Amino acid sequence: MTIKIEIFASPGCSKCGHAKDVLRKLAQELGSDKIQWCEINVLDEIDHAVELGVLSTPSIAIDGELIYTSLPSTSKLRAELERRLNSDGNGGQV
């Protein structure tokens, strides 16, 4: 199973830079083959951002759904990613 993560960021935003660093580190720790992530410049992709409901940066969408409207703690983001990786399609129960 691969998780697709989109991080919506603004150019020059220090919080966005920190969010990307956190996500990069988590992806490496959990397995870069399991987590596919990309940075979305909110100014360049405003229609996509609005479609998902992004109102501020950094925001994080997982598998096409806006999950975080601000950067969560590293442990909270890790727990969510691990839950999704361990899910077998039965509501997270394995």
Protein backbone atom coordinates (compact mmCIF):
# COMPACT_ATOMS: atom_id res chain seq x y z
CA MET A 1 0.00 0.00 0.00
CA THR A 2 1.24 3.49 -0.86
CA ILE A 3 0.00 6.65 0.81
CA LYS A 4 -0.15 9.80 -1.30
CA ILE A 5 0.53 12.98 0.65
CA GLU A 6 0.24 16.52 -0.66
CA ILE A 7 1.66 19.32 1.42
CA PHE A 8 0.26 22.72 0.48
CA ALA A 9 2.89 25.40 1.03
CA SER A 10 3.47 29.07 0.37
CA PRO A 11 6.79 30.36 -1.00
CA GLY A 12 8.96 31.80 1.76
CA CYS A 13 6.84 30.33 4.59
CA SER A 14 9.12 29.12 7.40
CA LYS A 15 6.39 26.89 8.87
CA CYS A 16 5.97 25.28 5.45
CA GLY A 17 9.70 24.62 5.26
CA HIS A 18 9.58 22.96 8.67
CA ALA A 19 6.54 20.88 7.60
CA LYS A 20 8.41 19.62 4.53
CA ASP A 21 11.40 18.66 6.68
CA VAL A 22 9.18 16.75 9.10
CA LEU A 23 7.38 14.96 6.28
CA ARG A 24 10.64 14.10 4.50
CA LYS A 25 12.04 12.59 7.69
CA LEU A 26 8.88 10.59 8.42
CA ALA A 27 8.74 9.27 4.85
CA GLN A 28 12.33 8.05 5.17
CA GLU A 29 11.68 6.42 8.54
CA LEU A 30 8.42 4.72 7.52
CA GLY A 31 9.65 3.73 4.08
CA SER A 32 9.90 5.93 1.03
CA ASP A 33 8.40 3.08 -0.99
CA LYS A 34 5.24 3.35 1.15
CA ILE A 35 4.84 7.12 1.23
CA GLN A 36 4.70 9.25 -1.90
CA TRP A 37 4.63 12.94 -1.14
CA CYS A 38 4.82 16.14 -3.08
CA GLU A 39 4.85 19.83 -2.35
CA ILE A 40 2.02 21.87 -3.82
CA ASN A 41 2.67 25.58 -4.22
CA VAL A 42 -0.68 26.95 -3.10
CA LEU A 43 -0.28 30.01 -5.34
CA ASP A 44 0.34 27.90 -8.46
CA GLU A 45 -2.38 25.34 -7.67
CA ILE A 46 -5.03 27.58 -6.11
CA ASP A 47 -7.95 25.75 -7.80
CA HIS A 48 -6.83 22.39 -6.43
CA ALA A 49 -6.26 23.91 -2.98
CA VAL A 50 -9.73 25.50 -2.94
CA GLU A 51 -11.28 22.23 -4.14
CA LEU A 52 -9.84 20.43 -1.10
CA GLY A 53 -10.71 23.26 1.30
CA VAL A 54 -7.21 24.55 2.02
CA LEU A 55 -7.48 27.90 3.80
CA SER A 56 -3.99 28.22 5.26
CA THR A 57 -0.50 26.82 4.90
CA PRO A 58 0.97 24.45 5.61
CA SER A 59 -1.94 22.07 5.05
CA ILE A 60 -1.67 18.34 4.46
CA ALA A 61 -3.91 16.16 2.32
CA ILE A 62 -3.64 12.39 2.48
CA ASP A 63 -4.99 10.29 -0.37
CA GLY A 64 -6.90 13.25 -1.79
CA GLU A 65 -8.55 14.32 1.49
CA LEU A 66 -7.58 17.39 3.51
CA ILE A 67 -6.56 16.00 6.90
CA TYR A 68 -4.57 18.78 8.56
CA THR A 69 -5.11 22.51 8.11
CA SER A 70 -1.93 23.25 10.01
CA LEU A 71 1.18 21.25 10.85
CA PRO A 72 0.35 18.62 13.47
CA SER A 73 2.93 17.40 15.95
CA THR A 74 5.39 14.92 14.52
CA SER A 75 3.98 12.18 16.76
CA LYS A 76 0.40 12.87 15.64
CA LEU A 77 1.38 12.81 11.95
CA ARG A 78 3.43 9.64 12.47
CA ALA A 79 0.49 7.94 14.22
CA GLU A 80 -1.87 8.84 11.36
CA LEU A 81 0.53 7.56 8.72
CA GLU A 82 1.20 4.34 10.63
CA ARG A 83 -2.54 3.81 11.10
CA ARG A 84 -3.09 4.15 7.36
CA LEU A 85 -0.15 1.90 6.50
CA ASN A 86 -1.42 -0.80 8.86
CA SER A 87 -5.01 -0.50 7.69
CA ASP A 88 -6.36 -3.37 5.62
CA GLY A 89 -9.45 -1.51 4.45
CA ASN A 90 -11.51 -2.47 7.52
CA GLY A 91 -11.49 0.87 9.29
CA GLY A 92 -7.90 0.55 10.43
CA GLN A 93 -8.35 -2.80 12.17
CA VAL A 94 -5.89 -5.48 11.19
